[in-house]
PDB file of N, CA and C in Angstrom:
ATOM      1  N   UNK A   1     145.748   9.611 -15.147  1.00  0.00           N
ATOM      2  CA  UNK A   1     145.617   8.991 -14.234  1.00  0.00           C
ATOM      3  C   UNK A   1     146.769   7.601 -13.354  1.00  0.00           C
ATOM      4  N   UNK A   2     146.594   6.512 -13.396  1.00  0.00           N
ATOM      5  CA  UNK A   2     147.977   5.633 -13.110  1.00  0.00           C
ATOM      6  C   UNK A   2     145.861   4.821 -12.771  1.00  0.00           C
ATOM      7  N   UNK A   3     147.205   3.166 -13.822  1.00  0.00           N
ATOM      8  CA  UNK A   3     146.439   1.784 -12.857  1.00  0.00           C
ATOM      9  C   UNK A   3     147.046   1.093 -12.133  1.00  0.00           C
ATOM     10  N   UNK A   4     146.471   0.982 -10.549  1.00  0.00           N
ATOM     11  CA  UNK A   4     146.713  -0.349  -9.940  1.00  0.00           C
ATOM     12  C   UNK A   4     146.524  -1.703  -9.674  1.00  0.00           C
ATOM     13  N   UNK A   5     146.769  -2.647  -9.523  1.00  0.00           N
ATOM     14  CA  UNK A   5     146.234  -3.456  -8.650  1.00  0.00           C
ATOM     15  C   UNK A   5     146.872  -3.982  -7.729  1.00  0.00           C
ATOM     16  N   UNK A   6     146.320  -4.298  -6.653  1.00  0.00           N
ATOM     17  CA  UNK A   6     145.938  -3.554  -5.465  1.00  0.00           C
ATOM     18  C   UNK A   6     145.560  -5.296  -4.859  1.00  0.00           C
ATOM     19  N   UNK A   7     146.053  -4.940  -3.224  1.00  0.00           N
ATOM     20  CA  UNK A   7     146.306  -6.134  -2.784  1.00  0.00           C
ATOM     21  C   UNK A   7     145.373  -6.185  -1.264  1.00  0.00           C
ATOM     22  N   UNK A   8     144.040  -6.239  -0.789  1.00  0.00           N
ATOM     23  CA  UNK A   8     143.721  -5.509   0.664  1.00  0.00           C
ATOM     24  C   UNK A   8     143.090  -6.346   1.424  1.00  0.00           C
ATOM     25  N   UNK A   9     143.055  -6.445   2.167  1.00  0.00           N
ATOM     26  CA  UNK A   9     143.070  -7.100   3.658  1.00  0.00           C
ATOM     27  C   UNK A   9     141.258  -7.297   3.936  1.00  0.00           C
ATOM     28  N   UNK A  10     140.389  -7.663   3.960  1.00  0.00           N
ATOM     29  CA  UNK A  10     139.009  -7.652   4.897  1.00  0.00           C
ATOM     30  C   UNK A  10     138.501  -6.479   5.351  1.00  0.00           C
ATOM     31  N   UNK A  11     139.039  -6.003   6.428  1.00  0.00           N
ATOM     32  CA  UNK A  11     138.937  -5.228   7.129  1.00  0.00           C
ATOM     33  C   UNK A  11     138.943  -3.627   5.712  1.00  0.00           C
ATOM     34  N   UNK A  12     139.957  -3.482   4.775  1.00  0.00           N
ATOM     35  CA  UNK A  12     139.937  -2.772   4.119  1.00  0.00           C
ATOM     36  C   UNK A  12     138.989  -2.717   3.229  1.00  0.00           C
ATOM     37  N   UNK A  13     138.731  -3.682   3.065  1.00  0.00           N
ATOM     38  CA  UNK A  13     137.680  -2.803   2.082  1.00  0.00           C
ATOM     39  C   UNK A  13     136.391  -2.948   2.361  1.00  0.00           C
ATOM     40  N   UNK A  14     135.740  -3.620   3.267  1.00  0.00           N
ATOM     41  CA  UNK A  14     134.794  -3.092   4.381  1.00  0.00           C
ATOM     42  C   UNK A  14     134.765  -1.694   4.311  1.00  0.00           C
ATOM     43  N   UNK A  15     135.720  -1.095   4.771  1.00  0.00           N
ATOM     44  CA  UNK A  15     136.266   0.714   4.729  1.00  0.00           C
ATOM     45  C   UNK A  15     135.741   1.112   3.811  1.00  0.00           C
ATOM     46  N   UNK A  16     136.524   0.138   3.095  1.00  0.00           N
ATOM     47  CA  UNK A  16     136.367   2.047   1.306  1.00  0.00           C
ATOM     48  C   UNK A  16     134.842   1.024   1.010  1.00  0.00           C
ATOM     49  N   UNK A  17     134.899  -0.059   1.073  1.00  0.00           N
ATOM     50  CA  UNK A  17     133.129   0.057   0.525  1.00  0.00           C
ATOM     51  C   UNK A  17     132.351   0.781   1.537  1.00  0.00           C
ATOM     52  N   UNK A  18     132.072   1.475   2.465  1.00  0.00           N
ATOM     53  CA  UNK A  18     131.209   1.844   3.457  1.00  0.00           C
ATOM     54  C   UNK A  18     131.850   3.304   3.095  1.00  0.00           C
ATOM     55  N   UNK A  19     132.856   3.589   2.876  1.00  0.00           N
ATOM     56  CA  UNK A  19     133.064   5.695   2.713  1.00  0.00           C
ATOM     57  C   UNK A  19     132.517   5.163   1.357  1.00  0.00           C
ATOM     58  N   UNK A  20     132.441   4.214   0.289  1.00  0.00           N
ATOM     59  CA  UNK A  20     132.142   4.698  -0.897  1.00  0.00           C
ATOM     60  C   UNK A  20     130.536   4.732  -0.764  1.00  0.00           C
ATOM     61  N   UNK A  21     129.651   4.070   0.265  1.00  0.00           N
ATOM     62  CA  UNK A  21     128.667   3.955   0.648  1.00  0.00           C
ATOM     63  C   UNK A  21     127.696   5.741   0.545  1.00  0.00           C
ATOM     64  N   UNK A  22     128.854   5.763   1.830  1.00  0.00           N
ATOM     65  CA  UNK A  22     128.227   6.196   2.933  1.00  0.00           C
ATOM     66  C   UNK A  22     128.392   8.498   1.654  1.00  0.00           C
ATOM     67  N   UNK A  23     129.420   8.697   0.485  1.00  0.00           N
ATOM     68  CA  UNK A  23     129.749   9.815   0.077  1.00  0.00           C
ATOM     69  C   UNK A  23     129.326   9.704  -1.654  1.00  0.00           C
ATOM     70  N   UNK A  24     128.364   8.744  -2.010  1.00  0.00           N
ATOM     71  CA  UNK A  24     127.382   8.047  -3.001  1.00  0.00           C
ATOM     72  C   UNK A  24     128.289   8.392  -3.597  1.00  0.00           C
ATOM     73  N   UNK A  25     130.339   7.305  -3.809  1.00  0.00           N
ATOM     74  CA  UNK A  25     131.070   6.932  -5.120  1.00  0.00           C
ATOM     75  C   UNK A  25     131.096   6.391  -5.758  1.00  0.00           C
ATOM     76  N   UNK A  26     130.669   6.192  -7.679  1.00  0.00           N
ATOM     77  CA  UNK A  26     131.206   5.284  -8.043  1.00  0.00           C
ATOM     78  C   UNK A  26     131.275   3.771  -7.487  1.00  0.00           C
ATOM     79  N   UNK A  27     132.907   3.700  -7.612  1.00  0.00           N
ATOM     80  CA  UNK A  27     133.846   2.803  -7.245  1.00  0.00           C
ATOM     81  C   UNK A  27     134.807   2.975  -5.933  1.00  0.00           C
ATOM     82  N   UNK A  28     135.055   1.948  -6.313  1.00  0.00           N
ATOM     83  CA  UNK A  28     136.362   1.777  -5.495  1.00  0.00           C
ATOM     84  C   UNK A  28     137.090   2.539  -5.262  1.00  0.00           C
ATOM     85  N   UNK A  29     137.347   3.010  -6.169  1.00  0.00           N
ATOM     86  CA  UNK A  29     138.969   4.114  -6.854  1.00  0.00           C
ATOM     87  C   UNK A  29     138.429   5.607  -6.291  1.00  0.00           C
ATOM     88  N   UNK A  30     137.711   5.960  -6.416  1.00  0.00           N
ATOM     89  CA  UNK A  30     137.066   6.758  -6.023  1.00  0.00           C
ATOM     90  C   UNK A  30     136.609   7.310  -4.156  1.00  0.00           C
ATOM     91  N   UNK A  31     136.887   6.303  -4.039  1.00  0.00           N
ATOM     92  CA  UNK A  31     136.783   6.018  -1.998  1.00  0.00           C
ATOM     93  C   UNK A  31     138.593   6.152  -1.601  1.00  0.00           C
ATOM     94  N   UNK A  32     139.019   5.436  -2.821  1.00  0.00           N
ATOM     95  CA  UNK A  32     140.470   5.156  -2.154  1.00  0.00           C
ATOM     96  C   UNK A  32     140.840   6.859  -2.770  1.00  0.00           C
ATOM     97  N   UNK A  33     140.934   7.380  -3.432  1.00  0.00           N
ATOM     98  CA  UNK A  33     141.537   8.798  -3.562  1.00  0.00           C
ATOM     99  C   UNK A  33     140.638   9.439  -2.523  1.00  0.00           C
ATOM    100  N   UNK A  34     139.268   9.868  -1.664  1.00  0.00           N
ATOM    101  CA  UNK A  34     139.355   9.906  -1.183  1.00  0.00           C
ATOM    102  C   UNK A  34     139.588  10.383   0.064  1.00  0.00           C
ATOM    103  N   UNK A  35     140.013   8.717   0.316  1.00  0.00           N
ATOM    104  CA  UNK A  35     140.474   8.495   1.844  1.00  0.00           C
ATOM    105  C   UNK A  35     142.169   9.157   1.612  1.00  0.00           C
ATOM    106  N   UNK A  36     143.041   8.860   0.696  1.00  0.00           N
ATOM    107  CA  UNK A  36     144.228   9.505   0.037  1.00  0.00           C
ATOM    108  C   UNK A  36     144.798  10.661   0.283  1.00  0.00           C
ATOM    109  N   UNK A  37     143.168  11.422   0.067  1.00  0.00           N
ATOM    110  CA  UNK A  37     142.983  12.589   0.402  1.00  0.00           C
ATOM    111  C   UNK A  37     142.884  13.339   1.133  1.00  0.00           C
ATOM    112  N   UNK A  38     142.123  12.996   2.150  1.00  0.00           N
ATOM    113  CA  UNK A  38     141.341  12.999   3.455  1.00  0.00           C
ATOM    114  C   UNK A  38     143.156  12.724   4.292  1.00  0.00           C
ATOM    115  N   UNK A  39     143.720  11.874   4.081  1.00  0.00           N
ATOM    116  CA  UNK A  39     145.271  11.680   4.539  1.00  0.00           C
ATOM    117  C   UNK A  39     146.589  12.754   4.712  1.00  0.00           C
ATOM    118  N   UNK A  40     145.791  13.131   3.299  1.00  0.00           N
ATOM    119  CA  UNK A  40     146.545  14.419   3.172  1.00  0.00           C
ATOM    120  C   UNK A  40     146.950  15.530   3.765  1.00  0.00           C
ATOM    121  N   UNK A  41     145.361  15.792   3.932  1.00  0.00           N
ATOM    122  CA  UNK A  41     145.064  17.078   4.342  1.00  0.00           C
ATOM    123  C   UNK A  41     145.506  16.904   5.947  1.00  0.00           C
ATOM    124  N   UNK A  42     145.257  15.919   6.481  1.00  0.00           N
ATOM    125  CA  UNK A  42     145.070  16.144   7.640  1.00  0.00           C
ATOM    126  C   UNK A  42     146.585  14.837   8.027  1.00  0.00           C
ATOM    127  N   UNK A  43     147.568  14.519   7.935  1.00  0.00           N
ATOM    128  CA  UNK A  43     147.847  14.339   8.923  1.00  0.00           C
ATOM    129  C   UNK A  43     149.601  14.354   8.103  1.00  0.00           C
ATOM    130  N   UNK A  44     149.689  14.609   6.529  1.00  0.00           N
ATOM    131  CA  UNK A  44     150.811  15.059   6.321  1.00  0.00           C
ATOM    132  C   UNK A  44     151.893  16.135   6.529  1.00  0.00           C
ATOM    133  N   UNK A  45     153.101  16.683   6.856  1.00  0.00           N
ATOM    134  CA  UNK A  45     153.042  17.604   7.460  1.00  0.00           C
ATOM    135  C   UNK A  45     152.405  19.474   6.599  1.00  0.00           C
ATOM    136  N   UNK A  46     151.709  19.582   8.391  1.00  0.00           N
ATOM    137  CA  UNK A  46     151.176  20.470   7.963  1.00  0.00           C
ATOM    138  C   UNK A  46     151.952  21.755   8.007  1.00  0.00           C
ATOM    139  N   UNK A  47     152.870  21.755   8.393  1.00  0.00           N
ATOM    140  CA  UNK A  47     153.488  22.903   8.082  1.00  0.00           C
ATOM    141  C   UNK A  47     154.185  23.336   6.569  1.00  0.00           C
ATOM    142  N   UNK A  48     153.851  22.348   5.654  1.00  0.00           N
ATOM    143  CA  UNK A  48     154.172  22.930   4.577  1.00  0.00           C
ATOM    144  C   UNK A  48     152.604  23.334   2.945  1.00  0.00           C
ATOM    145  N   UNK A  49     151.622  23.391   4.081  1.00  0.00           N
ATOM    146  CA  UNK A  49     150.882  23.578   3.632  1.00  0.00           C
ATOM    147  C   UNK A  49     150.454  25.516   3.655  1.00  0.00           C
ATOM    148  N   UNK A  50     150.247  26.440   2.820  1.00  0.00           N
ATOM    149  CA  UNK A  50     150.144  27.110   2.891  1.00  0.00           C
ATOM    150  C   UNK A  50     149.362  28.059   3.925  1.00  0.00           C
ATOM    151  N   UNK A  51     147.748  27.313   4.063  1.00  0.00           N
ATOM    152  CA  UNK A  51     147.394  27.655   5.099  1.00  0.00           C
ATOM    153  C   UNK A  51     147.840  27.673   6.869  1.00  0.00           C
ATOM    154  N   UNK A  52     148.534  26.566   6.960  1.00  0.00           N
ATOM    155  CA  UNK A  52     149.115  25.924   8.136  1.00  0.00           C
ATOM    156  C   UNK A  52     149.805  27.218   8.734  1.00  0.00           C
ATOM    157  N   UNK A  53     150.443  27.276   7.420  1.00  0.00           N
ATOM    158  CA  UNK A  53     151.715  28.641   7.706  1.00  0.00           C
ATOM    159  C   UNK A  53     150.997  30.176   7.944  1.00  0.00           C
ATOM    160  N   UNK A  54     150.117  30.585   6.953  1.00  0.00           N
ATOM    161  CA  UNK A  54     149.463  31.801   7.606  1.00  0.00           C
ATOM    162  C   UNK A  54     148.424  31.941   9.447  1.00  0.00           C
ATOM    163  N   UNK A  55     148.389  30.284   9.384  1.00  0.00           N
ATOM    164  CA  UNK A  55     148.018  30.210  10.879  1.00  0.00           C
ATOM    165  C   UNK A  55     149.228  30.210  11.507  1.00  0.00           C
ATOM    166  N   UNK A  56     150.375  29.567  11.382  1.00  0.00           N
ATOM    167  CA  UNK A  56     151.124  30.042  12.403  1.00  0.00           C
ATOM    168  C   UNK A  56     152.152  31.328  12.823  1.00  0.00           C
ATOM    169  N   UNK A  57     151.419  32.193  11.649  1.00  0.00           N
ATOM    170  CA  UNK A  57     152.338  32.751  11.528  1.00  0.00           C
ATOM    171  C   UNK A  57     151.450  34.528  12.545  1.00  0.00           C
ATOM    172  N   UNK A  58     150.256  34.399  11.991  1.00  0.00           N
ATOM    173  CA  UNK A  58     149.726  34.986  12.960  1.00  0.00           C
ATOM    174  C   UNK A  58     149.016  34.677  13.901  1.00  0.00           C
ATOM    175  N   UNK A  59     148.980  33.158  14.736  1.00  0.00           N
ATOM    176  CA  UNK A  59     149.690  32.871  15.980  1.00  0.00           C
ATOM    177  C   UNK A  59     151.070  33.753  16.552  1.00  0.00           C
ATOM    178  N   UNK A  60     152.004  33.660  16.150  1.00  0.00           N
ATOM    179  CA  UNK A  60     152.614  34.505  16.398  1.00  0.00           C
ATOM    180  C   UNK A  60     152.917  35.297  16.811  1.00  0.00           C
ATOM    181  N   UNK A  61     152.975  36.480  15.516  1.00  0.00           N
ATOM    182  CA  UNK A  61     152.528  38.506  16.094  1.00  0.00           C
ATOM    183  C   UNK A  61     151.300  37.927  17.278  1.00  0.00           C
ATOM    184  N   UNK A  62     150.138  36.897  17.442  1.00  0.00           N
ATOM    185  CA  UNK A  62     149.621  37.009  18.994  1.00  0.00           C
ATOM    186  C   UNK A  62     150.417  37.892  20.003  1.00  0.00           C
ATOM    187  N   UNK A  63     150.111  38.887  20.675  1.00  0.00           N
ATOM    188  CA  UNK A  63     151.154  39.180  21.931  1.00  0.00           C
ATOM    189  C   UNK A  63     151.034  37.636  23.260  1.00  0.00           C
ATOM    190  N   UNK A  64     152.204  37.254  23.337  1.00  0.00           N
ATOM    191  CA  UNK A  64     151.888  36.450  24.742  1.00  0.00           C
ATOM    192  C   UNK A  64     150.907  36.979  25.714  1.00  0.00           C
ATOM    193  N   UNK A  65     150.466  35.883  26.934  1.00  0.00           N
ATOM    194  CA  UNK A  65     149.565  36.279  27.771  1.00  0.00           C
ATOM    195  C   UNK A  65     150.555  35.686  28.729  1.00  0.00           C
ATOM    196  N   UNK A  66     151.253  37.078  29.432  1.00  0.00           N
ATOM    197  CA  UNK A  66     151.634  36.409  30.975  1.00  0.00           C
ATOM    198  C   UNK A  66     150.724  35.940  32.114  1.00  0.00           C
ATOM    199  N   UNK A  67     150.849  34.244  33.037  1.00  0.00           N
ATOM    200  CA  UNK A  67     150.219  33.439  34.121  1.00  0.00           C
ATOM    201  C   UNK A  67     150.589  33.980  34.698  1.00  0.00           C
ATOM    202  N   UNK A  68     151.582  33.296  34.993  1.00  0.00           N
ATOM    203  CA  UNK A  68     151.758  32.992  37.067  1.00  0.00           C
ATOM    204  C   UNK A  68     151.580  31.680  37.091  1.00  0.00           C
ATOM    205  N   UNK A  69     150.883  31.568  37.592  1.00  0.00           N
ATOM    206  CA  UNK A  69     150.202  30.185  38.534  1.00  0.00           C
ATOM    207  C   UNK A  69     149.245  29.652  38.160  1.00  0.00           C
ATOM    208  N   UNK A  70     148.940  28.053  38.528  1.00  0.00           N
ATOM    209  CA  UNK A  70     147.526  27.833  38.075  1.00  0.00           C
ATOM    210  C   UNK A  70     146.331  28.372  38.499  1.00  0.00           C
ATOM    211  N   UNK A  71     146.188  28.809  40.039  1.00  0.00           N
ATOM    212  CA  UNK A  71     145.375  29.622  40.147  1.00  0.00           C
ATOM    213  C   UNK A  71     144.992  30.835  39.475  1.00  0.00           C
ATOM    214  N   UNK A  72     146.205  31.678  39.267  1.00  0.00           N
ATOM    215  CA  UNK A  72     145.709  32.748  38.098  1.00  0.00           C
ATOM    216  C   UNK A  72     145.367  32.931  36.901  1.00  0.00           C
ATOM    217  N   UNK A  73     146.187  31.401  35.991  1.00  0.00           N
ATOM    218  CA  UNK A  73     145.474  31.080  35.085  1.00  0.00           C
ATOM    219  C   UNK A  73     144.136  30.916  35.651  1.00  0.00           C
ATOM    220  N   UNK A  74     143.205  29.598  36.444  1.00  0.00           N
ATOM    221  CA  UNK A  74     141.960  29.262  36.792  1.00  0.00           C
ATOM    222  C   UNK A  74     141.368  30.893  37.330  1.00  0.00           C
ATOM    223  N   UNK A  75     141.738  32.550  37.550  1.00  0.00           N
ATOM    224  CA  UNK A  75     140.621  32.926  37.517  1.00  0.00           C
ATOM    225  C   UNK A  75     140.419  33.479  36.321  1.00  0.00           C
ATOM    226  N   UNK A  76     141.710  33.591  35.414  1.00  0.00           N
ATOM    227  CA  UNK A  76     141.653  34.621  34.628  1.00  0.00           C
ATOM    228  C   UNK A  76     140.033  33.520  33.189  1.00  0.00           C
ATOM    229  N   UNK A  77     140.345  32.263  33.624  1.00  0.00           N
ATOM    230  CA  UNK A  77     139.070  31.888  32.059  1.00  0.00           C
ATOM    231  C   UNK A  77     137.873  32.319  33.203  1.00  0.00           C
ATOM    232  N   UNK A  78     137.470  31.914  34.430  1.00  0.00           N
ATOM    233  CA  UNK A  78     136.877  32.248  34.612  1.00  0.00           C
ATOM    234  C   UNK A  78     136.328  33.202  34.865  1.00  0.00           C
ATOM    235  N   UNK A  79     136.323  33.960  34.906  1.00  0.00           N
ATOM    236  CA  UNK A  79     136.037  36.321  33.954  1.00  0.00           C
ATOM    237  C   UNK A  79     134.719  36.201  32.710  1.00  0.00           C
TER     238      UNK A  79
END
């Protein structure tokens, strides 16, 4: 485990306190780990995650749908 002394602004401190309370965490270190983990899952290069690659390949294998015009799309959607 790495220890770090950090400086954060008041708003970041409030957010960490909210995360800590919401998830019943022991300290702000756990809140920081949770926030970083969530950021990693949702914002960092999803193409590198295996589940993203599997999903992309599954979508790629699906046959394409020829729609033509917006009106045809609306008709198809209303069915």
